[in-house]
Protein backbone atom coordinates (compact mmCIF):
# COMPACT_ATOMS: atom_id res chain seq x y z
CA MET A 1 -6.32 9.81 22.34
CA ASN A 2 -2.88 8.61 21.61
CA PRO A 3 -3.74 6.37 18.91
CA ILE A 4 -1.80 3.37 20.47
CA LEU A 5 -4.48 2.79 22.36
CA ARG A 6 -6.63 2.59 19.76
CA ASP A 7 -8.02 -1.55 19.25
CA LEU A 8 -6.52 -1.95 15.78
CA PRO A 9 -7.93 -6.04 13.79
CA GLU A 10 -4.55 -7.41 12.98
CA GLN A 11 -6.76 -8.65 9.47
CA LEU A 12 -9.94 -7.24 7.29
CA GLU A 13 -11.77 -9.37 5.35
CA THR A 14 -13.10 -9.62 1.61
CA GLU A 15 -14.70 -11.75 -0.58
CA ARG A 16 -11.73 -12.86 -2.24
CA LEU A 17 -8.68 -11.52 0.42
CA LEU A 18 -7.12 -11.41 3.57
CA ILE A 19 -6.03 -8.18 4.84
CA ARG A 20 -3.33 -8.79 8.15
CA CYS A 21 -0.60 -7.75 9.35
CA PRO A 22 2.82 -8.98 8.80
CA ARG A 23 4.38 -11.17 10.89
CA ALA A 24 7.69 -12.75 11.76
CA GLY A 25 8.48 -15.33 8.57
CA ASP A 26 6.62 -13.87 6.20
CA GLY A 27 9.78 -12.65 5.07
CA ALA A 28 9.99 -14.84 2.44
CA MET A 29 6.89 -15.13 0.75
CA VAL A 30 7.00 -11.25 0.66
CA HIS A 31 10.44 -11.85 -0.59
CA ALA A 32 9.49 -14.29 -3.59
CA ALA A 33 6.64 -12.12 -4.71
CA VAL A 34 9.18 -8.92 -4.82
CA VAL A 35 11.41 -11.55 -6.97
CA GLU A 36 8.71 -12.17 -9.44
CA THR A 37 7.89 -8.82 -10.30
CA LEU A 38 10.69 -6.47 -10.45
CA ALA A 39 10.08 -5.81 -13.24
CA GLU A 40 6.86 -3.78 -13.01
CA LEU A 41 8.10 -2.45 -9.36
CA ARG A 42 11.23 -0.56 -10.78
CA ALA A 43 9.70 0.78 -13.71
CA TRP A 44 7.65 3.35 -10.66
CA PRO A 45 12.02 4.26 -8.75
CA ALA A 46 10.04 8.24 -7.59
CA SER A 47 7.08 5.98 -6.35
CA LEU A 48 8.78 3.14 -5.23
CA PRO A 49 12.34 3.84 -3.97
CA TRP A 50 12.57 0.45 -2.21
CA ALA A 51 12.85 -1.60 -5.31
CA MET A 52 15.59 -0.11 -6.39
CA ALA A 53 17.34 -2.25 -3.45
CA GLU A 54 18.97 -5.86 -4.43
CA PRO A 55 16.20 -7.61 -2.90
CA THR A 56 17.33 -10.40 -0.25
CA VAL A 57 14.94 -12.67 2.24
CA ASP A 58 16.77 -10.74 4.81
CA ALA A 59 15.31 -7.26 3.54
CA SER A 60 11.83 -8.38 3.46
CA GLU A 61 12.08 -10.24 6.97
CA LEU A 62 13.00 -6.94 7.96
CA PHE A 63 10.26 -4.99 6.28
CA CYS A 64 7.35 -7.64 8.08
CA ARG A 65 9.10 -7.51 11.57
CA GLU A 66 9.34 -3.51 10.75
CA GLY A 67 6.42 -2.78 10.16
CA ARG A 68 5.06 -5.56 12.51
CA ALA A 69 6.21 -2.65 15.31
CA ALA A 70 5.19 -0.04 13.12
CA TYR A 71 2.07 -1.06 13.40
CA LEU A 72 0.90 -2.03 16.76
CA GLN A 73 2.82 1.42 16.83
CA ARG A 74 0.39 2.59 15.05
CA LEU A 75 2.79 4.80 13.19
CA HIS A 76 1.80 3.08 9.86
CA LEU A 77 -0.22 0.22 8.99
CA PRO A 78 1.42 -2.25 6.88
CA MET A 79 -0.76 -4.69 4.55
CA LEU A 80 0.27 -7.81 2.72
CA LEU A 81 -2.76 -8.85 0.89
CA LEU A 82 -3.47 -13.19 0.80
CA LEU A 83 -5.57 -15.05 -0.86
CA LYS A 84 -8.05 -16.57 1.22
CA ASP A 85 -8.68 -19.62 -0.86
CA GLY A 86 -4.99 -20.91 -0.54
CA GLY A 87 -3.15 -18.11 0.96
CA ASP A 88 -0.87 -16.94 -2.04
CA TYR A 89 0.62 -13.49 -1.41
CA VAL A 90 -1.10 -11.11 -3.48
CA GLY A 91 1.13 -7.78 -2.97
CA GLY A 92 1.67 -5.58 -0.26
CA SER A 93 -0.45 -1.93 0.73
CA GLY A 94 -1.60 -0.42 4.30
CA LEU A 95 -2.18 3.48 5.31
CA HIS A 96 1.15 5.75 5.76
CA HIS A 97 1.99 9.26 6.66
CA ILE A 98 -0.45 9.22 8.91
CA ASP A 99 -1.94 12.47 10.94
CA TRP A 100 -3.88 10.84 13.72
CA ALA A 101 -4.45 14.90 14.27
CA THR A 102 -7.30 15.49 11.55
CA PRO A 103 -7.22 12.15 10.23
CA LYS A 104 -6.07 12.10 7.55
CA PHE A 105 -3.84 8.37 6.17
CA GLU A 106 -2.25 7.65 2.25
CA LEU A 107 -3.30 4.50 0.86
CA GLY A 108 -0.02 2.74 -0.90
CA TYR A 109 -0.66 -0.77 -2.54
CA TRP A 110 1.24 -2.84 -5.58
CA CYS A 111 0.25 -6.39 -6.93
CA ARG A 112 2.95 -9.40 -7.58
CA ARG A 113 2.58 -10.13 -11.10
CA ARG A 114 0.41 -13.15 -11.98
CA PHE A 115 -2.67 -11.21 -10.12
CA GLN A 116 -1.98 -7.96 -12.05
CA GLY A 117 -5.10 -7.38 -13.70
CA GLN A 118 -7.63 -9.36 -11.79
CA GLY A 119 -9.04 -6.70 -9.12
CA LEU A 120 -7.16 -7.93 -5.81
CA ILE A 121 -5.72 -4.80 -5.77
CA GLY A 122 -8.74 -2.22 -6.21
CA GLU A 123 -11.04 -4.73 -4.44
CA ALA A 124 -8.46 -4.44 -1.24
CA ALA A 125 -7.56 -0.22 -2.16
CA ARG A 126 -12.12 -0.38 -1.26
CA ALA A 127 -11.41 -2.95 2.07
CA ILE A 128 -8.67 -0.09 3.39
CA THR A 129 -10.25 2.76 2.28
CA ALA A 130 -13.27 2.05 3.95
CA PHE A 131 -11.76 0.69 7.02
CA ALA A 132 -10.05 4.19 7.51
CA ILE A 133 -12.99 6.42 6.93
CA GLU A 134 -15.24 3.95 9.07
CA ARG A 135 -13.34 2.43 11.64
CA LEU A 136 -10.15 4.70 12.17
CA GLY A 137 -12.27 8.11 11.21
CA ALA A 138 -10.51 9.52 8.55
CA ARG A 139 -11.40 12.48 7.31
CA ARG A 140 -9.30 11.86 3.80
CA VAL A 141 -7.23 8.96 2.38
CA THR A 142 -4.86 10.33 -0.20
CA CYS A 143 -3.64 8.17 -2.95
CA LEU A 144 -0.27 9.48 -5.38
CA PRO A 145 0.80 7.45 -8.43
CA ASP A 146 2.98 8.52 -10.70
CA ALA A 147 1.04 10.30 -13.53
CA ALA A 148 2.20 7.87 -15.87
CA ASN A 149 1.25 4.76 -13.71
CA GLN A 150 -2.44 4.15 -16.03
CA PRO A 151 -3.12 1.11 -14.13
CA SER A 152 -1.99 2.45 -10.48
CA ARG A 153 -4.40 5.40 -11.87
CA ARG A 154 -7.44 3.17 -12.22
CA VAL A 155 -7.06 1.50 -9.24
CA ALA A 156 -8.01 4.76 -7.64
CA GLU A 157 -10.07 6.10 -9.73
CA ARG A 158 -12.43 2.38 -9.44
CA ALA A 159 -12.36 2.49 -5.13
CA GLY A 160 -13.82 6.20 -5.66
CA PHE A 161 -10.80 8.43 -4.67
CA LEU A 162 -11.23 11.68 -7.23
CA LEU A 163 -8.31 13.36 -9.01
CA GLU A 164 -7.80 16.80 -7.14
CA ALA A 165 -4.04 17.45 -8.94
CA VAL A 166 -1.55 16.39 -10.57
CA MET A 167 1.34 18.36 -9.04
CA ARG A 168 4.31 18.47 -11.73
CA HIS A 169 8.15 17.71 -11.21
CA GLU A 170 7.08 16.54 -7.53
CA ARG A 171 9.05 13.15 -7.17
CA THR A 172 12.79 12.62 -8.69
CA THR A 173 13.66 9.02 -9.51
CA PRO A 174 17.35 7.74 -8.75
CA ASP A 175 19.11 8.62 -12.36
CA GLY A 176 17.58 12.62 -11.59
CA THR A 177 14.19 12.58 -14.09
CA LEU A 178 11.41 14.38 -12.84
CA ARG A 179 7.85 12.46 -12.70
CA ASP A 180 4.42 15.04 -11.98
CA THR A 181 2.51 12.81 -9.20
CA CYS A 182 -1.56 12.61 -9.18
CA LEU A 183 -3.51 12.68 -5.91
CA TYR A 184 -5.90 11.32 -5.80
CA ALA A 185 -8.37 12.19 -2.72
CA ARG A 186 -11.35 10.30 -1.14
CA ILE A 187 -12.95 12.25 2.12
CA ALA A 188 -15.07 11.13 5.04
């Protein structure tokens, strides 16, 4: 089946979160969160290369509009994480590097500084992974945190992912430093 013919909801809900596709006009709130969390994001340049660029409202708005188009085309499924109570933007997640033939997906996520340590990203990771397996028929969902990023690794483990490998010197930072990447996966 052509992926564009798949009917996908534009949002999911968990106990505390509204998880939805980006929309035009979301750029300002995404920008504010990126600026607030820039030091933490830049600590992982090989995993989050987009965070190395100077953040602007226009760049965040472009991300939201292109993300919506990609979601509609089923090329990748970016998702914004918002608190159900108040609508504050918590962070980003989504399903990337999609192989519809298998089907398999890669889960990515990041959390805004003020919401770190509250279990919100784990809640989102569990919901998005369940969505991939139950609704999209995923046979495999992977997660690829930097080996030194212990908080990101804990999110994967708490979401039921198993460590399959540590890929040595798998990524390179902008300054040429080699980084190890953990390969976590959940299978249906």
